[in-house]
Amino acid sequence: MSDMEKPWKEGEEKREVLAGHARAQAPQAVDKGPVTGDQRISVTVVLRRQRADELEAHVERQAALAPHARVHLEREAFAASHGASLDDFAELRKFADAHGLTLDRANVAAGTAVMSGPVDAVNRAFGVELRHFDHPDGSYRSYLGEVSVPASIAPIIEAVLGLDTRPVARPHFRLQRRAEGEFEVRSQAAAPTAYTPLDVAQAYQFPEGLDGQGQCIAIIELGGGYDEQSLVQYFASLGVPAPQVVSVSVDGATNQPTGDPNGPDGEVELDIEVAGALAPGAKIAVYFAPNTDAGFLDAITTAVHDPTHKPSIVSISWGGPEDSWASASIAAMNRAFLDAAALGVTVLAAAGDSGSTDGEQDGLYHVDFPAASPYVLACGGTRLVASGGRIEQETVWNDGPDGGSTGGGVSRIFPLPSWQERANVPPSANPGAGSGRGVPDLAGDADPATGYEVVIDGETTVIGGTSAVAPLFAALVARINQKLGKPVGYVNPTLYQLPADVFHDITEGNNDIANRARIYQAGPGWDPCTGLGSPIGIKLLQALLPSASPPQP
């Protein structure tokens, strides 16, 4: 090769661009110039894993079995067989040393490492220019150029996250509006102002005599915090024992309540109070992380591979439209959800509160991630009217553009999973788009007009949103795990093989909040608004017990 043909300058190391890291700057963002000074920049590097194909094959084989018959990998064995190799970590350390970076910590099982260094060192190491941007929603750091690394190390690196600090997710909760007449009344049945989680669990026939004993529910939070006195007050008001709640710091974030019940504290305490009220025997481990792609990934990998608390369930009430993520970030998080499936950890995520567009203004239909991951149990929202512990009416939650509506639709990124092939998932409503992963899988009460009475920062309030549905069903999974004596783990493939009478089918409503084509309608069986419907808890448990008839393929 002649000098003119070389893509690098003489004396410099040959570099290779890492695919999937391009992100357009946010609309209305103003470039305020390069990041300067002596501040230290941290990034999360995702390394290739050992025997990745074997891991995917193992998960597929186990998913074809009934939950009680599955053999989940133990965390230590997983790290040894499928974590990143020690040789790759050694190469990464050499790369760090050569570029003036430090390797601060490593998660061998997850195959991730947190590295840090001065601005100039990070720029040189990854071939970018870090710059400040101002935006009406808040300033952030991003970069110009394409993320690259030396060609010699490129084969071992799958992603570099954290160079861009834009919030990647929003909490999916909605406060109940107090003014009368603001909500469209879709039922002649009188709807209460609010339910307690106990009321909702009774309507969904959660199996009784179980409290989640022996389980750990991990809750991912990207801001805010909880006030312990509020939790004590809340559980006492319900007459249930207060669960053990522990906080885990990820990437420097901690339990930091803001004192504002309208802010992220509403998300944090909603999640804890709904899950804790219905599974008070379980440990609730709350993983606090920064709201960045690196922080979100590190929270998930920390929880999934936690050797101390060993969660069997992960509840996520944060997310964002698929197209708002860099593809490398989605791939890294989806890989973490595959890890969870292999370890027998059930991951649940809210499907979003902004209807079939997921809040985007581009005229297209979008689903929310991480709910769109095929390894995640996507939780949609309904309007529930119940009385005396029985469902009187349940429809799609849709309060219009101001009140919100359940997310749902067809993924543009993830293909249709084999276990959804018989669910009649429609093609995407977007022009030229084909089939894809259908969202959600299940649904539960989310309309703020029939929301959950909770205590946030000492104040009693009513909250709805699909944020409440993820911890609601996390508690149901905890009860089922307790009864089975082992975790159900990756339960999605099983749910789609169960008899229809395990679910309360929701056939009325749609999740279009822009009054357009209303392309996604509720109907018999699975639909892109409420999935399979709301679970009938005791029937779901019975269908998963070893004595149940094997599901039909």
Protein backbone atom coordinates (compact mmCIF):
# COMPACT_ATOMS: atom_id res chain seq x y z
CA MET A 1 0.00 0.00 0.00
CA SER A 2 1.39 3.42 -0.95
CA ASP A 3 1.57 6.32 1.51
CA MET A 4 -1.32 7.97 -0.34
CA GLU A 5 -3.50 4.91 0.21
CA LYS A 6 -2.91 4.72 3.96
CA PRO A 7 -5.91 5.95 5.94
CA TRP A 8 -3.64 7.00 8.80
CA LYS A 9 -0.67 9.29 9.12
CA GLU A 10 2.87 7.92 9.21
CA GLY A 11 3.81 7.12 12.78
CA GLU A 12 0.23 6.93 14.01
CA GLU A 13 -1.56 3.74 14.94
CA LYS A 14 -4.10 2.47 12.44
CA ARG A 15 -7.62 3.02 13.79
CA GLU A 16 -10.98 1.42 13.20
CA VAL A 17 -14.38 3.09 13.51
CA LEU A 18 -16.80 1.36 15.89
CA ALA A 19 -20.18 0.85 14.27
CA GLY A 20 -23.43 1.96 15.87
CA HIS A 21 -22.20 5.00 17.78
CA ALA A 22 -23.52 7.82 15.58
CA ARG A 23 -26.05 10.12 17.23
CA ALA A 24 -27.51 13.29 15.78
CA GLN A 25 -27.53 16.26 18.11
CA ALA A 26 -30.82 17.09 19.74
CA PRO A 27 -33.08 19.56 17.90
CA GLN A 28 -32.54 23.11 19.17
CA ALA A 29 -29.19 22.15 20.68
CA VAL A 30 -26.53 24.88 20.50
CA ASP A 31 -22.85 23.92 20.25
CA LYS A 32 -21.06 25.83 23.01
CA GLY A 33 -17.58 24.68 22.12
CA PRO A 34 -15.08 22.03 23.18
CA VAL A 35 -14.96 20.51 26.61
CA THR A 36 -11.88 21.89 28.32
CA GLY A 37 -10.31 21.95 31.73
CA ASP A 38 -9.10 19.25 34.04
CA GLN A 39 -12.39 17.44 34.61
CA ARG A 40 -12.22 13.68 34.47
CA ILE A 41 -14.37 11.87 31.89
CA SER A 42 -15.68 8.35 32.53
CA VAL A 43 -16.84 5.90 29.88
CA THR A 44 -18.10 2.33 29.95
CA VAL A 45 -16.44 -0.05 27.49
CA VAL A 46 -18.29 -3.22 26.49
CA LEU A 47 -15.98 -6.10 25.60
CA ARG A 48 -16.86 -9.13 23.50
CA ARG A 49 -18.01 -12.09 25.56
CA GLN A 50 -16.78 -15.64 25.52
CA ARG A 51 -18.86 -18.18 23.63
CA ALA A 52 -21.65 -15.76 22.75
CA ASP A 53 -23.29 -18.20 20.32
CA GLU A 54 -23.37 -20.91 22.98
CA LEU A 55 -25.10 -18.54 25.39
CA GLU A 56 -27.86 -17.63 22.92
CA ALA A 57 -28.38 -21.30 22.09
CA HIS A 58 -28.59 -22.17 25.78
CA VAL A 59 -31.25 -19.51 26.39
CA GLU A 60 -33.29 -20.70 23.40
CA ARG A 61 -33.13 -24.32 24.56
CA GLN A 62 -34.22 -23.43 28.08
CA ALA A 63 -36.98 -21.13 26.85
CA ALA A 64 -38.56 -24.09 25.07
CA LEU A 65 -38.96 -25.89 28.42
CA ALA A 66 -41.54 -25.29 31.11
CA PRO A 67 -40.16 -22.87 33.75
CA HIS A 68 -39.92 -25.55 36.43
CA ALA A 69 -37.78 -27.74 34.13
CA ARG A 70 -35.23 -25.08 33.20
CA VAL A 71 -31.62 -25.12 34.33
CA HIS A 72 -30.43 -21.57 34.83
CA LEU A 73 -26.76 -20.72 34.95
CA GLU A 74 -25.22 -19.76 38.29
CA ARG A 75 -23.59 -16.34 38.46
CA GLU A 76 -20.06 -17.63 39.12
CA ALA A 77 -20.27 -20.20 36.35
CA PHE A 78 -21.65 -17.56 33.98
CA ALA A 79 -18.70 -15.26 34.62
CA ALA A 80 -16.22 -18.02 33.93
CA SER A 81 -17.92 -19.33 30.79
CA HIS A 82 -19.49 -16.26 29.22
CA GLY A 83 -17.94 -13.17 30.75
CA ALA A 84 -15.20 -11.28 28.96
CA SER A 85 -11.85 -13.08 29.02
CA LEU A 86 -9.08 -11.97 31.33
CA ASP A 87 -6.84 -11.68 28.26
CA ASP A 88 -9.22 -9.10 26.76
CA PHE A 89 -9.22 -7.14 30.00
CA ALA A 90 -5.43 -7.21 29.93
CA GLU A 91 -5.45 -5.81 26.39
CA LEU A 92 -7.88 -3.12 27.46
CA ARG A 93 -5.60 -2.15 30.33
CA LYS A 94 -2.68 -1.82 27.92
CA PHE A 95 -4.82 0.42 25.72
CA ALA A 96 -5.74 2.54 28.75
CA ASP A 97 -2.15 2.87 29.90
CA ALA A 98 -0.96 3.83 26.41
CA HIS A 99 -3.56 6.60 26.17
CA GLY A 100 -3.36 8.09 29.65
CA LEU A 101 -6.54 6.47 30.94
CA THR A 102 -7.18 4.41 34.05
CA LEU A 103 -9.25 1.24 34.21
CA ASP A 104 -11.27 2.03 37.32
CA ARG A 105 -13.35 -1.11 37.68
CA ALA A 106 -14.41 -4.15 35.72
CA ASN A 107 -17.44 -6.42 35.70
CA VAL A 108 -16.07 -9.66 34.31
CA ALA A 109 -19.47 -11.37 34.08
CA ALA A 110 -21.08 -8.47 32.23
CA GLY A 111 -17.97 -7.89 30.13
CA THR A 112 -17.85 -4.20 30.95
CA ALA A 113 -15.18 -1.86 32.25
CA VAL A 114 -15.35 1.74 33.46
CA MET A 115 -12.40 3.83 32.26
CA SER A 116 -11.61 7.45 32.97
CA GLY A 117 -9.12 10.13 32.11
CA PRO A 118 -8.62 13.80 31.24
CA VAL A 119 -10.57 15.30 28.34
CA ASP A 120 -7.61 15.33 25.97
CA ALA A 121 -6.78 11.71 26.73
CA VAL A 122 -10.35 10.58 26.09
CA ASN A 123 -10.46 12.54 22.83
CA ARG A 124 -7.27 10.88 21.61
CA ALA A 125 -8.17 7.41 22.82
CA PHE A 126 -11.53 7.33 21.04
CA GLY A 127 -10.87 9.64 18.09
CA VAL A 128 -13.51 12.23 18.98
CA GLU A 129 -13.81 15.83 20.10
CA LEU A 130 -15.93 16.22 23.22
CA ARG A 131 -18.11 19.34 23.13
CA HIS A 132 -20.69 21.10 25.31
CA PHE A 133 -24.23 21.62 24.02
CA ASP A 134 -27.01 23.78 25.45
CA HIS A 135 -30.59 22.66 25.06
CA PRO A 136 -33.93 23.94 26.41
CA ASP A 137 -34.28 20.67 28.35
CA GLY A 138 -30.78 20.92 29.82
CA SER A 139 -27.17 21.08 28.76
CA TYR A 140 -25.22 17.97 27.89
CA ARG A 141 -21.91 16.71 26.60
CA SER A 142 -21.55 15.02 23.24
CA TYR A 143 -18.88 14.63 20.59
CA LEU A 144 -17.90 15.32 17.02
CA GLY A 145 -16.26 12.67 14.87
CA GLU A 146 -16.71 8.92 14.77
CA VAL A 147 -15.82 6.77 17.75
CA SER A 148 -12.73 4.77 16.87
CA VAL A 149 -10.03 2.72 18.58
CA PRO A 150 -6.72 1.25 17.43
CA ALA A 151 -7.30 -1.53 14.91
CA SER A 152 -5.35 -3.92 17.10
CA ILE A 153 -7.93 -3.69 19.87
CA ALA A 154 -11.09 -3.08 17.82
CA PRO A 155 -12.10 -6.79 17.61
CA ILE A 156 -12.54 -7.02 21.38
CA ILE A 157 -14.62 -3.83 21.83
CA GLU A 158 -18.36 -3.84 21.10
CA ALA A 159 -19.34 -0.44 22.49
CA VAL A 160 -18.08 2.71 24.18
CA LEU A 161 -20.83 4.42 26.18
CA GLY A 162 -20.83 7.60 28.21
CA LEU A 163 -19.18 10.01 25.78
CA ASP A 164 -22.64 11.51 25.28
CA THR A 165 -24.40 12.47 28.51
CA ARG A 166 -27.90 13.19 27.21
CA PRO A 167 -30.65 11.62 29.30
CA VAL A 168 -31.63 8.47 27.41
CA ALA A 169 -34.81 7.67 29.29
CA ARG A 170 -37.77 9.26 30.97
CA PRO A 171 -39.88 7.89 33.83
CA HIS A 172 -43.22 6.51 32.68
CA PHE A 173 -45.54 7.81 35.37
CA ARG A 174 -48.41 10.28 35.26
CA LEU A 175 -49.94 12.19 38.15
CA GLN A 176 -53.69 12.13 38.47
CA ARG A 177 -55.18 15.48 37.51
CA ARG A 178 -57.41 16.87 40.21
CA ALA A 179 -59.80 19.01 38.16
CA GLU A 180 -63.09 17.32 37.47
CA GLY A 181 -64.19 16.59 33.94
CA GLU A 182 -60.70 16.45 32.45
CA PHE A 183 -60.88 12.78 31.61
CA GLU A 184 -63.13 11.21 29.07
CA VAL A 185 -65.47 8.79 30.81
CA ARG A 186 -65.59 5.57 28.81
CA SER A 187 -67.70 3.54 31.18
CA GLN A 188 -71.05 3.84 32.85
CA ALA A 189 -69.53 2.04 35.82
CA ALA A 190 -68.36 4.44 38.50
CA ALA A 191 -64.59 4.58 38.66
CA PRO A 192 -62.94 5.23 42.01
CA THR A 193 -60.50 8.05 42.52
CA ALA A 194 -57.73 5.59 43.25
CA TYR A 195 -56.86 2.06 44.20
CA THR A 196 -54.28 0.74 46.58
CA PRO A 197 -51.92 -1.88 45.14
CA LEU A 198 -53.81 -4.39 47.29
CA ASP A 199 -57.05 -3.50 45.49
CA VAL A 200 -55.43 -3.96 42.08
CA ALA A 201 -53.87 -7.28 43.10
CA GLN A 202 -57.24 -8.51 44.27
CA ALA A 203 -58.84 -7.56 40.95
CA TYR A 204 -56.11 -9.46 39.09
CA GLN A 205 -56.46 -12.42 41.49
CA PHE A 206 -52.85 -12.49 42.65
CA PRO A 207 -52.30 -15.85 44.38
CA GLU A 208 -52.88 -15.50 48.10
CA GLY A 209 -50.77 -16.78 50.97
CA LEU A 210 -47.57 -15.67 49.22
CA ASP A 211 -45.43 -12.60 49.90
CA GLY A 212 -42.32 -13.04 47.73
CA GLN A 213 -40.27 -14.56 50.52
CA GLY A 214 -36.79 -15.54 49.33
CA GLN A 215 -36.88 -13.27 46.27
CA CYS A 216 -35.06 -10.06 45.49
CA ILE A 217 -36.70 -7.48 43.22
CA ALA A 218 -34.19 -5.10 41.64
CA ILE A 219 -35.56 -1.69 40.72
CA ILE A 220 -33.62 0.50 38.28
CA GLU A 221 -33.78 4.25 38.93
CA LEU A 222 -32.13 7.05 36.95
CA GLY A 223 -32.75 9.95 39.30
CA GLY A 224 -34.43 11.01 42.51
CA GLY A 225 -34.67 8.91 45.62
CA TYR A 226 -36.88 7.63 48.40
CA ASP A 227 -37.61 8.93 51.85
CA GLU A 228 -37.56 6.09 54.36
CA GLN A 229 -40.18 7.73 56.56
CA SER A 230 -42.56 7.94 53.60
CA LEU A 231 -42.13 4.21 53.02
CA VAL A 232 -42.77 3.44 56.69
CA GLN A 233 -45.87 5.65 56.62
CA TYR A 234 -47.16 4.02 53.45
CA PHE A 235 -46.78 0.38 54.37
CA ALA A 236 -48.26 1.05 57.82
CA SER A 237 -51.29 2.67 56.19
CA LEU A 238 -51.85 -0.51 54.17
CA GLY A 239 -51.34 -2.78 57.14
CA VAL A 240 -48.58 -4.75 55.45
CA PRO A 241 -45.09 -5.40 56.80
CA ALA A 242 -42.47 -3.04 55.42
CA PRO A 243 -40.12 -4.89 53.07
CA GLN A 244 -36.37 -4.68 53.39
CA VAL A 245 -35.25 -1.89 51.05
CA VAL A 246 -31.58 -1.36 50.18
CA SER A 247 -30.03 1.16 47.83
CA VAL A 248 -27.10 0.38 45.55
CA SER A 249 -24.94 3.13 44.09
CA VAL A 250 -23.95 2.79 40.42
CA ASP A 251 -21.44 5.13 38.74
CA GLY A 252 -21.58 7.52 41.68
CA ALA A 253 -25.36 8.03 41.74
CA THR A 254 -27.06 7.59 45.11
CA ASN A 255 -30.44 7.71 46.77
CA GLN A 256 -31.05 11.47 46.63
CA PRO A 257 -34.69 12.44 47.17
CA THR A 258 -35.37 15.91 45.78
CA GLY A 259 -38.36 16.66 47.99
CA ASP A 260 -40.46 17.24 44.86
CA PRO A 261 -43.25 14.65 44.55
CA ASN A 262 -43.78 15.74 40.93
CA GLY A 263 -40.19 14.86 40.01
CA PRO A 264 -38.26 11.58 39.87
CA ASP A 265 -39.03 10.87 43.54
CA GLY A 266 -42.53 10.04 42.32
CA GLU A 267 -41.08 7.29 40.16
CA VAL A 268 -38.79 5.87 42.81
CA GLU A 269 -41.32 5.70 45.61
CA LEU A 270 -44.11 4.50 43.30
CA ASP A 271 -41.95 1.57 42.23
CA ILE A 272 -40.94 0.63 45.76
CA GLU A 273 -44.40 1.03 47.24
CA VAL A 274 -46.25 -0.97 44.57
CA ALA A 275 -43.73 -3.83 44.52
CA GLY A 276 -43.22 -3.77 48.30
CA ALA A 277 -46.92 -3.71 49.14
CA LEU A 278 -47.54 -6.90 47.15
CA ALA A 279 -44.28 -8.74 47.88
CA PRO A 280 -43.34 -7.54 51.38
CA GLY A 281 -41.37 -10.71 52.00
CA ALA A 282 -38.99 -9.93 49.14
CA LYS A 283 -35.91 -7.77 49.39
CA ILE A 284 -36.23 -4.59 47.32
CA ALA A 285 -32.82 -3.52 45.94
CA VAL A 286 -32.88 -0.09 44.29
CA TYR A 287 -30.04 0.56 41.84
CA PHE A 288 -29.43 4.29 41.37
CA ALA A 289 -27.49 5.34 38.26
CA PRO A 290 -27.01 8.46 36.11
CA ASN A 291 -29.52 8.93 33.31
CA THR A 292 -27.08 8.27 30.46
CA ASP A 293 -26.58 5.28 28.19
CA ALA A 294 -23.56 4.25 30.27
CA GLY A 295 -25.42 4.72 33.55
CA PHE A 296 -28.49 2.78 32.40
CA LEU A 297 -26.36 -0.11 31.13
CA ASP A 298 -24.23 -0.20 34.27
CA ALA A 299 -27.33 -0.24 36.48
CA ILE A 300 -28.74 -3.22 34.60
CA THR A 301 -25.50 -5.20 34.52
CA THR A 302 -24.83 -4.43 38.18
CA ALA A 303 -28.28 -5.72 39.13
CA VAL A 304 -28.31 -8.78 36.87
CA HIS A 305 -24.86 -9.94 37.95
CA ASP A 306 -25.05 -8.79 41.59
CA PRO A 307 -23.46 -11.57 43.69
CA THR A 308 -24.64 -10.00 46.95
CA HIS A 309 -28.37 -9.36 46.51
CA LYS A 310 -28.85 -11.85 43.65
CA PRO A 311 -32.05 -10.41 42.17
CA SER A 312 -34.46 -12.86 40.56
CA ILE A 313 -36.53 -10.01 39.07
CA VAL A 314 -35.62 -6.61 37.58
CA SER A 315 -38.27 -3.88 37.27
CA ILE A 316 -37.64 -0.94 34.93
CA SER A 317 -40.02 2.02 34.66
CA TRP A 318 -37.78 4.20 32.48
CA GLY A 319 -37.32 4.20 28.72
CA GLY A 320 -37.32 6.12 25.47
CA PRO A 321 -38.27 5.69 21.81
CA GLU A 322 -36.17 3.13 19.96
CA ASP A 323 -34.86 5.67 17.47
CA SER A 324 -33.57 7.98 20.21
CA TRP A 325 -30.86 5.47 21.15
CA ALA A 326 -27.54 4.80 19.46
CA SER A 327 -27.68 1.29 18.06
CA ALA A 328 -24.56 0.32 20.02
CA SER A 329 -26.34 1.30 23.26
CA ILE A 330 -29.39 -0.81 22.41
CA ALA A 331 -27.20 -3.78 21.49
CA ALA A 332 -25.24 -3.52 24.76
CA MET A 333 -28.40 -3.37 26.86
CA ASN A 334 -30.07 -6.16 24.94
CA ARG A 335 -27.00 -8.28 25.61
CA ALA A 336 -27.45 -7.60 29.32
CA PHE A 337 -31.05 -8.77 29.08
CA LEU A 338 -29.84 -11.97 27.41
CA ASP A 339 -27.57 -12.44 30.44
CA ALA A 340 -30.62 -12.08 32.67
CA ALA A 341 -32.47 -14.75 30.72
CA ALA A 342 -29.54 -17.15 31.07
CA LEU A 343 -29.39 -16.53 34.83
CA GLY A 344 -33.13 -16.98 35.36
CA VAL A 345 -33.80 -13.30 36.04
CA THR A 346 -37.16 -11.95 34.84
CA VAL A 347 -36.88 -8.40 33.46
CA LEU A 348 -40.02 -6.27 33.22
CA ALA A 349 -40.24 -2.80 31.65
CA ALA A 350 -42.91 -0.15 31.21
CA ALA A 351 -44.12 0.18 27.62
CA GLY A 352 -44.42 3.97 27.77
CA ASP A 353 -47.10 6.58 28.40
CA SER A 354 -47.24 8.45 25.08
CA GLY A 355 -49.31 6.16 22.90
CA SER A 356 -48.42 4.65 19.55
CA THR A 357 -45.92 7.42 18.69
CA ASP A 358 -44.08 7.15 22.03
CA GLY A 359 -44.05 10.93 22.09
CA GLU A 360 -42.15 11.41 18.83
CA GLN A 361 -43.24 14.17 16.45
CA ASP A 362 -42.01 12.73 13.16
CA GLY A 363 -45.36 11.38 11.98
CA LEU A 364 -44.27 7.77 12.52
CA TYR A 365 -45.13 5.07 15.03
CA HIS A 366 -42.60 4.10 17.71
CA VAL A 367 -42.22 1.66 20.56
CA ASP A 368 -40.28 2.20 23.75
CA PHE A 369 -36.96 0.65 24.67
CA PRO A 370 -36.06 -1.31 26.78
CA ALA A 371 -39.62 -2.69 26.67
CA ALA A 372 -39.03 -3.60 23.00
CA SER A 373 -36.26 -6.05 23.82
CA PRO A 374 -37.43 -9.63 23.20
CA TYR A 375 -35.81 -10.63 26.53
CA VAL A 376 -37.97 -8.12 28.44
CA LEU A 377 -41.58 -8.56 29.58
CA ALA A 378 -43.18 -5.39 28.19
CA CYS A 379 -45.91 -3.96 30.40
CA GLY A 380 -48.69 -1.88 28.83
CA GLY A 381 -51.48 0.09 30.46
CA THR A 382 -55.24 -0.18 30.94
CA ARG A 383 -58.08 1.71 32.53
CA LEU A 384 -59.38 -0.58 35.27
CA VAL A 385 -62.80 -0.31 36.86
CA ALA A 386 -63.16 -2.83 39.68
CA SER A 387 -65.54 -3.30 42.56
CA GLY A 388 -65.56 -5.82 45.36
CA GLY A 389 -62.32 -7.29 44.12
CA ARG A 390 -63.70 -8.01 40.66
CA ILE A 391 -63.08 -6.41 37.28
CA GLU A 392 -66.19 -4.61 36.05
CA GLN A 393 -64.56 -3.18 32.97
CA GLU A 394 -61.04 -2.93 31.58
CA THR A 395 -60.14 -0.99 28.45
CA VAL A 396 -57.04 0.45 26.82
CA TRP A 397 -55.67 3.41 28.75
CA ASN A 398 -55.98 6.42 26.46
CA ASP A 399 -56.56 9.89 27.90
CA GLY A 400 -55.45 11.78 24.80
CA PRO A 401 -52.33 13.83 24.13
CA ASP A 402 -52.37 15.63 27.49
CA GLY A 403 -53.43 12.73 29.70
CA GLY A 404 -51.30 10.04 28.08
CA SER A 405 -51.89 6.57 26.72
CA THR A 406 -50.23 3.19 26.84
CA GLY A 407 -47.28 2.61 24.58
CA GLY A 408 -47.42 -0.25 22.12
CA GLY A 409 -46.83 -1.21 18.54
CA VAL A 410 -44.24 -2.99 16.44
CA SER A 411 -40.48 -2.69 16.84
CA ARG A 412 -38.41 -1.26 14.01
CA ILE A 413 -35.24 -2.83 15.43
CA PHE A 414 -36.03 -6.25 16.83
CA PRO A 415 -37.43 -8.94 14.51
CA LEU A 416 -40.56 -10.89 15.32
CA PRO A 417 -39.58 -13.52 17.94
CA SER A 418 -40.50 -17.10 17.19
CA TRP A 419 -42.75 -17.19 20.25
CA GLN A 420 -44.88 -14.35 18.82
CA GLU A 421 -45.33 -15.92 15.40
CA ARG A 422 -48.83 -17.17 16.24
CA ALA A 423 -49.91 -14.04 18.08
CA ASN A 424 -51.06 -12.27 14.90
CA VAL A 425 -48.71 -9.34 15.40
CA PRO A 426 -49.52 -6.96 12.53
CA PRO A 427 -46.89 -5.42 10.30
CA SER A 428 -45.57 -2.09 11.49
CA ALA A 429 -47.85 0.81 10.57
CA ASN A 430 -44.86 2.78 9.29
CA PRO A 431 -44.47 3.10 5.50
CA GLY A 432 -42.28 0.38 4.07
CA ALA A 433 -41.79 -1.34 7.42
CA GLY A 434 -42.30 -5.04 7.89
CA SER A 435 -42.88 -7.31 10.84
CA GLY A 436 -41.15 -6.93 14.17
CA ARG A 437 -41.34 -7.63 17.87
CA GLY A 438 -44.82 -6.77 19.14
CA VAL A 439 -45.17 -4.59 22.24
CA PRO A 440 -46.51 -5.02 24.93
CA ASP A 441 -46.78 -8.57 26.28
CA LEU A 442 -49.15 -7.90 29.19
CA ALA A 443 -51.02 -4.91 30.55
CA GLY A 444 -52.36 -3.65 33.85
CA ASP A 445 -53.99 -0.66 35.46
CA ALA A 446 -52.15 2.51 34.42
CA ASP A 447 -54.74 5.23 33.85
CA PRO A 448 -54.11 8.02 36.40
CA ALA A 449 -57.89 8.41 36.66
CA THR A 450 -57.95 4.92 38.19
CA GLY A 451 -54.42 5.16 39.55
CA TYR A 452 -52.52 4.06 42.61
CA GLU A 453 -52.71 5.81 45.96
CA VAL A 454 -49.12 6.22 47.18
CA VAL A 455 -47.07 8.42 49.50
CA ILE A 456 -44.40 10.53 47.81
CA ASP A 457 -42.09 12.69 49.93
CA GLY A 458 -44.59 12.51 52.76
CA GLU A 459 -47.59 13.51 50.63
CA THR A 460 -50.43 11.17 49.72
CA THR A 461 -51.03 11.35 45.98
CA VAL A 462 -52.40 9.31 43.08
CA ILE A 463 -50.12 8.16 40.26
CA GLY A 464 -50.69 6.17 37.10
CA GLY A 465 -48.66 5.32 34.03
CA THR A 466 -47.10 2.09 32.83
CA SER A 467 -44.42 2.79 35.45
CA ALA A 468 -46.80 1.27 37.96
CA VAL A 469 -47.40 -1.87 35.90
CA ALA A 470 -43.78 -3.08 35.84
CA PRO A 471 -43.42 -3.23 39.67
CA LEU A 472 -47.00 -4.55 39.95
CA PHE A 473 -46.19 -7.59 37.84
CA ALA A 474 -42.69 -7.84 39.35
CA ALA A 475 -44.47 -8.57 42.64
CA LEU A 476 -46.66 -11.17 40.91
CA VAL A 477 -43.54 -12.88 39.53
CA ALA A 478 -42.03 -12.82 43.04
CA ARG A 479 -45.05 -14.65 44.40
CA ILE A 480 -44.95 -17.18 41.58
CA ASN A 481 -41.21 -17.78 42.09
CA GLN A 482 -41.81 -18.33 45.79
CA LYS A 483 -44.45 -20.98 45.11
CA LEU A 484 -42.44 -22.71 42.38
CA GLY A 485 -39.32 -22.76 44.54
CA LYS A 486 -37.25 -21.48 41.62
CA PRO A 487 -37.36 -18.44 39.34
CA VAL A 488 -39.46 -18.54 36.19
CA GLY A 489 -36.82 -16.35 34.53
CA TYR A 490 -37.32 -15.60 30.84
CA VAL A 491 -41.07 -16.13 30.81
CA ASN A 492 -42.06 -14.47 27.52
CA PRO A 493 -41.97 -17.62 25.33
CA THR A 494 -44.04 -19.51 27.90
CA LEU A 495 -46.76 -16.88 28.19
CA TYR A 496 -47.54 -17.11 24.48
CA GLN A 497 -48.17 -20.84 24.78
CA LEU A 498 -50.60 -20.68 27.70
CA PRO A 499 -54.38 -21.06 27.41
CA ALA A 500 -56.22 -17.84 26.66
CA ASP A 501 -58.22 -18.05 29.90
CA VAL A 502 -55.05 -17.28 31.89
CA PHE A 503 -55.54 -13.65 30.79
CA HIS A 504 -58.36 -11.16 30.91
CA ASP A 505 -58.66 -10.24 27.25
CA ILE A 506 -59.01 -6.50 26.64
CA THR A 507 -60.85 -5.76 23.42
CA GLU A 508 -61.92 -2.12 23.65
CA GLY A 509 -59.87 0.98 22.85
CA ASN A 510 -56.76 2.10 21.00
CA ASN A 511 -53.52 3.87 21.83
CA ASP A 512 -53.60 6.61 19.22
CA ILE A 513 -53.43 10.02 20.92
CA ALA A 514 -53.08 12.09 17.75
CA ASN A 515 -56.49 11.20 16.28
CA ARG A 516 -54.91 9.79 13.17
CA ALA A 517 -55.53 6.36 11.67
CA ARG A 518 -55.93 4.59 15.02
CA ILE A 519 -54.02 1.79 13.44
CA TYR A 520 -53.36 -0.08 16.68
CA GLN A 521 -56.66 -1.23 18.15
CA ALA A 522 -57.48 -3.59 20.97
CA GLY A 523 -59.15 -6.80 19.89
CA PRO A 524 -59.49 -10.49 20.71
CA GLY A 525 -56.19 -12.12 21.62
CA TRP A 526 -52.89 -10.29 21.49
CA ASP A 527 -52.98 -6.67 20.35
CA PRO A 528 -50.43 -3.81 20.16
CA CYS A 529 -52.15 -1.92 22.99
CA THR A 530 -52.54 -4.43 25.81
CA GLY A 531 -50.67 -7.51 24.59
CA LEU A 532 -52.21 -10.76 25.79
CA GLY A 533 -54.31 -8.82 28.30
CA SER A 534 -54.12 -8.52 32.07
CA PRO A 535 -53.04 -11.68 33.88
CA ILE A 536 -55.36 -13.66 36.11
CA GLY A 537 -52.75 -14.30 38.76
CA ILE A 538 -53.95 -17.55 40.28
CA LYS A 539 -54.55 -19.09 36.84
CA LEU A 540 -51.11 -17.98 35.70
CA LEU A 541 -49.51 -19.63 38.71
CA GLN A 542 -51.47 -22.85 38.17
CA ALA A 543 -50.43 -22.91 34.51
CA LEU A 544 -46.77 -22.64 35.50
CA LEU A 545 -46.78 -25.31 38.22
CA PRO A 546 -45.13 -28.67 37.40
CA SER A 547 -48.52 -30.40 37.66
CA ALA A 548 -49.97 -28.28 34.86
CA SER A 549 -50.44 -29.77 31.43
CA PRO A 550 -47.51 -28.94 29.17
CA PRO A 551 -48.17 -25.93 26.92
CA GLN A 552 -48.91 -26.68 23.31
CA PRO A 553 -46.21 -25.49 20.86
